[in-house]
């Protein structure tokens, strides 16, 4: 899970869950792959195992991972498709309006934005 820096803005279990989701969206964690064990993540990031379990349980409740008895948690086959859809919806409803408002406030055109993409 590489370097994680916890912020004070959200509960750590939520930040851990979001990191796992990002890894799924980025293709780092693929369908059928096992998540690192609760103990492993807790030890590596000096977290309470209950915190890690809570993040994993929310992922399971959302159908993104499944528990295989005696083996651990695994990314479900439909996780990637489901995530892309829900994350797109969340972006368009929660994040995009603020971005669009800022674009408008700054007087940026669509061409300005496209040109900026080409410079990075």
C-alpha atoms as a PDB file:
ATOM      1  CA  UNK A   1       0.000   0.000   0.000  1.00  0.00           C
ATOM      2  CA  UNK A   2       3.098   2.186  -0.214  1.00  0.00           C
ATOM      3  CA  UNK A   3       3.514   5.341   1.852  1.00  0.00           C
ATOM      4  CA  UNK A   4       0.357   6.467   3.552  1.00  0.00           C
ATOM      5  CA  UNK A   5       0.152   9.736   5.405  1.00  0.00           C
ATOM      6  CA  UNK A   6      -2.908   9.971   7.627  1.00  0.00           C
ATOM      7  CA  UNK A   7      -4.697  13.292   7.782  1.00  0.00           C
ATOM      8  CA  UNK A   8      -6.804  14.646  10.597  1.00  0.00           C
ATOM      9  CA  UNK A   9      -9.670  15.371   8.196  1.00  0.00           C
ATOM     10  CA  UNK A  10     -11.256  11.915   8.205  1.00  0.00           C
ATOM     11  CA  UNK A  11     -11.229   8.770  10.347  1.00  0.00           C
ATOM     12  CA  UNK A  12      -8.229   6.542   9.617  1.00  0.00           C
ATOM     13  CA  UNK A  13     -10.427   3.556   8.715  1.00  0.00           C
ATOM     14  CA  UNK A  14     -12.066   5.720   6.030  1.00  0.00           C
ATOM     15  CA  UNK A  15      -8.696   6.882   4.711  1.00  0.00           C
ATOM     16  CA  UNK A  16      -7.506   3.266   4.570  1.00  0.00           C
ATOM     17  CA  UNK A  17     -10.693   2.232   2.768  1.00  0.00           C
ATOM     18  CA  UNK A  18     -10.233   5.080   0.267  1.00  0.00           C
ATOM     19  CA  UNK A  19      -6.622   3.988  -0.328  1.00  0.00           C
ATOM     20  CA  UNK A  20      -7.723   0.407  -1.069  1.00  0.00           C
ATOM     21  CA  UNK A  21     -10.406   1.759  -3.426  1.00  0.00           C
ATOM     22  CA  UNK A  22      -7.788   3.883  -5.217  1.00  0.00           C
ATOM     23  CA  UNK A  23      -5.592   0.789  -5.604  1.00  0.00           C
ATOM     24  CA  UNK A  24      -8.533  -1.072  -7.147  1.00  0.00           C
ATOM     25  CA  UNK A  25      -9.304   1.792  -9.540  1.00  0.00           C
ATOM     26  CA  UNK A  26      -5.624   2.061 -10.513  1.00  0.00           C
ATOM     27  CA  UNK A  27      -5.444  -1.685 -11.206  1.00  0.00           C
ATOM     28  CA  UNK A  28      -2.913  -2.301  -8.439  1.00  0.00           C
ATOM     29  CA  UNK A  29      -5.419  -4.611  -6.726  1.00  0.00           C
ATOM     30  CA  UNK A  30      -7.123  -6.723  -9.384  1.00  0.00           C
ATOM     31  CA  UNK A  31     -10.258  -8.880  -9.189  1.00  0.00           C
ATOM     32  CA  UNK A  32      -9.510 -12.152  -7.456  1.00  0.00           C
ATOM     33  CA  UNK A  33      -6.420 -10.812  -5.653  1.00  0.00           C
ATOM     34  CA  UNK A  34      -6.090 -10.992  -1.888  1.00  0.00           C
ATOM     35  CA  UNK A  35      -5.915  -7.887   0.250  1.00  0.00           C
ATOM     36  CA  UNK A  36      -3.010  -7.781   2.699  1.00  0.00           C
ATOM     37  CA  UNK A  37      -4.058  -9.371   5.985  1.00  0.00           C
ATOM     38  CA  UNK A  38      -5.492  -7.232   8.779  1.00  0.00           C
ATOM     39  CA  UNK A  39      -2.494  -8.106  10.965  1.00  0.00           C
ATOM     40  CA  UNK A  40      -0.031  -7.229   8.224  1.00  0.00           C
ATOM     41  CA  UNK A  41      -1.611  -3.817   7.541  1.00  0.00           C
ATOM     42  CA  UNK A  42      -2.002  -3.073  11.261  1.00  0.00           C
ATOM     43  CA  UNK A  43       1.664  -3.865  11.917  1.00  0.00           C
ATOM     44  CA  UNK A  44       2.999  -2.078   8.835  1.00  0.00           C
ATOM     45  CA  UNK A  45       1.118   1.165   9.495  1.00  0.00           C
ATOM     46  CA  UNK A  46       0.989   0.935  13.292  1.00  0.00           C
ATOM     47  CA  UNK A  47      -2.789   0.808  13.328  1.00  0.00           C
ATOM     48  CA  UNK A  48      -5.190  -0.905  15.640  1.00  0.00           C
ATOM     49  CA  UNK A  49      -6.368  -4.134  13.952  1.00  0.00           C
ATOM     50  CA  UNK A  50      -9.959  -3.047  14.691  1.00  0.00           C
ATOM     51  CA  UNK A  51      -9.386   0.032  12.497  1.00  0.00           C
ATOM     52  CA  UNK A  52      -8.175  -2.137   9.613  1.00  0.00           C
ATOM     53  CA  UNK A  53     -11.039  -4.606  10.146  1.00  0.00           C
ATOM     54  CA  UNK A  54     -13.567  -1.783  10.019  1.00  0.00           C
ATOM     55  CA  UNK A  55     -12.193  -0.530   6.682  1.00  0.00           C
ATOM     56  CA  UNK A  56     -12.220  -4.063   5.262  1.00  0.00           C
ATOM     57  CA  UNK A  57     -15.742  -4.704   6.567  1.00  0.00           C
ATOM     58  CA  UNK A  58     -17.058  -1.588   4.815  1.00  0.00           C
ATOM     59  CA  UNK A  59     -15.440  -2.775   1.588  1.00  0.00           C
ATOM     60  CA  UNK A  60     -17.148  -6.151   2.080  1.00  0.00           C
ATOM     61  CA  UNK A  61     -20.495  -4.511   2.889  1.00  0.00           C
ATOM     62  CA  UNK A  62     -20.253  -2.646  -0.421  1.00  0.00           C
ATOM     63  CA  UNK A  63     -19.487  -5.859  -2.322  1.00  0.00           C
ATOM     64  CA  UNK A  64     -15.989  -4.761  -3.308  1.00  0.00           C
ATOM     65  CA  UNK A  65     -14.248  -7.559  -1.429  1.00  0.00           C
ATOM     66  CA  UNK A  66     -15.354 -10.933  -0.168  1.00  0.00           C
ATOM     67  CA  UNK A  67     -14.166 -12.945   2.788  1.00  0.00           C
ATOM     68  CA  UNK A  68     -12.980 -16.450   2.015  1.00  0.00           C
ATOM     69  CA  UNK A  69     -12.975 -18.471   5.189  1.00  0.00           C
ATOM     70  CA  UNK A  70      -9.448 -19.191   6.340  1.00  0.00           C
ATOM     71  CA  UNK A  71      -7.922 -17.360   3.365  1.00  0.00           C
ATOM     72  CA  UNK A  72      -8.701 -13.670   3.905  1.00  0.00           C
ATOM     73  CA  UNK A  73     -10.326 -10.908   1.885  1.00  0.00           C
ATOM     74  CA  UNK A  74     -10.317 -10.908  -1.918  1.00  0.00           C
ATOM     75  CA  UNK A  75     -11.269  -8.284  -4.501  1.00  0.00           C
ATOM     76  CA  UNK A  76     -14.562  -9.277  -6.143  1.00  0.00           C
ATOM     77  CA  UNK A  77     -14.863  -9.687  -9.898  1.00  0.00           C
ATOM     78  CA  UNK A  78     -17.304  -6.792 -10.210  1.00  0.00           C
ATOM     79  CA  UNK A  79     -15.375  -4.379  -7.932  1.00  0.00           C
ATOM     80  CA  UNK A  80     -13.684  -2.421 -10.724  1.00  0.00           C
ATOM     81  CA  UNK A  81     -16.854  -1.868 -12.750  1.00  0.00           C
ATOM     82  CA  UNK A  82     -18.885  -1.043  -9.653  1.00  0.00           C
ATOM     83  CA  UNK A  83     -16.249   1.398  -8.388  1.00  0.00           C
ATOM     84  CA  UNK A  84     -15.861   3.251 -11.663  1.00  0.00           C
ATOM     85  CA  UNK A  85     -19.595   3.782 -11.801  1.00  0.00           C
ATOM     86  CA  UNK A  86     -19.999   4.895  -8.177  1.00  0.00           C
ATOM     87  CA  UNK A  87     -16.846   7.031  -8.181  1.00  0.00           C
ATOM     88  CA  UNK A  88     -17.911   8.757 -11.407  1.00  0.00           C
ATOM     89  CA  UNK A  89     -21.321   9.494  -9.902  1.00  0.00           C
ATOM     90  CA  UNK A  90     -19.749  10.784  -6.692  1.00  0.00           C
ATOM     91  CA  UNK A  91     -17.308  12.984  -8.634  1.00  0.00           C
ATOM     92  CA  UNK A  92     -20.045  14.464 -10.803  1.00  0.00           C
ATOM     93  CA  UNK A  93     -22.374  15.130  -7.855  1.00  0.00           C
ATOM     94  CA  UNK A  94     -19.923  16.142  -5.122  1.00  0.00           C
ATOM     95  CA  UNK A  95     -16.642  17.330  -6.637  1.00  0.00           C
ATOM     96  CA  UNK A  96     -17.428  18.597 -10.118  1.00  0.00           C
ATOM     97  CA  UNK A  97     -19.832  21.388  -9.079  1.00  0.00           C
ATOM     98  CA  UNK A  98     -17.080  23.021  -6.979  1.00  0.00           C
ATOM     99  CA  UNK A  99     -14.525  22.577  -9.780  1.00  0.00           C
ATOM    100  CA  UNK A 100     -16.941  23.978 -12.373  1.00  0.00           C
ATOM    101  CA  UNK A 101     -17.710  26.945 -10.129  1.00  0.00           C
ATOM    102  CA  UNK A 102     -13.988  27.684  -9.705  1.00  0.00           C
ATOM    103  CA  UNK A 103     -13.412  27.387 -13.480  1.00  0.00           C
ATOM    104  CA  UNK A 104     -16.227  29.839 -14.074  1.00  0.00           C
ATOM    105  CA  UNK A 105     -15.012  32.216 -11.359  1.00  0.00           C
ATOM    106  CA  UNK A 106     -11.544  32.259 -12.933  1.00  0.00           C
ATOM    107  CA  UNK A 107     -12.981  32.823 -16.390  1.00  0.00           C
ATOM    108  CA  UNK A 108     -11.292  29.779 -17.892  1.00  0.00           C
ATOM    109  CA  UNK A 109     -12.517  28.492 -21.239  1.00  0.00           C
ATOM    110  CA  UNK A 110     -12.719  24.878 -22.364  1.00  0.00           C
ATOM    111  CA  UNK A 111      -9.736  25.602 -24.620  1.00  0.00           C
ATOM    112  CA  UNK A 112      -7.733  26.935 -21.638  1.00  0.00           C
ATOM    113  CA  UNK A 113      -8.391  23.684 -19.823  1.00  0.00           C
ATOM    114  CA  UNK A 114      -7.467  21.531 -22.817  1.00  0.00           C
ATOM    115  CA  UNK A 115      -4.293  23.528 -23.331  1.00  0.00           C
ATOM    116  CA  UNK A 116      -3.376  23.038 -19.665  1.00  0.00           C
ATOM    117  CA  UNK A 117      -3.784  19.267 -20.054  1.00  0.00           C
ATOM    118  CA  UNK A 118      -1.275  19.305 -22.907  1.00  0.00           C
ATOM    119  CA  UNK A 119       1.369  21.012 -20.756  1.00  0.00           C
ATOM    120  CA  UNK A 120       1.470  18.345 -18.034  1.00  0.00           C
END
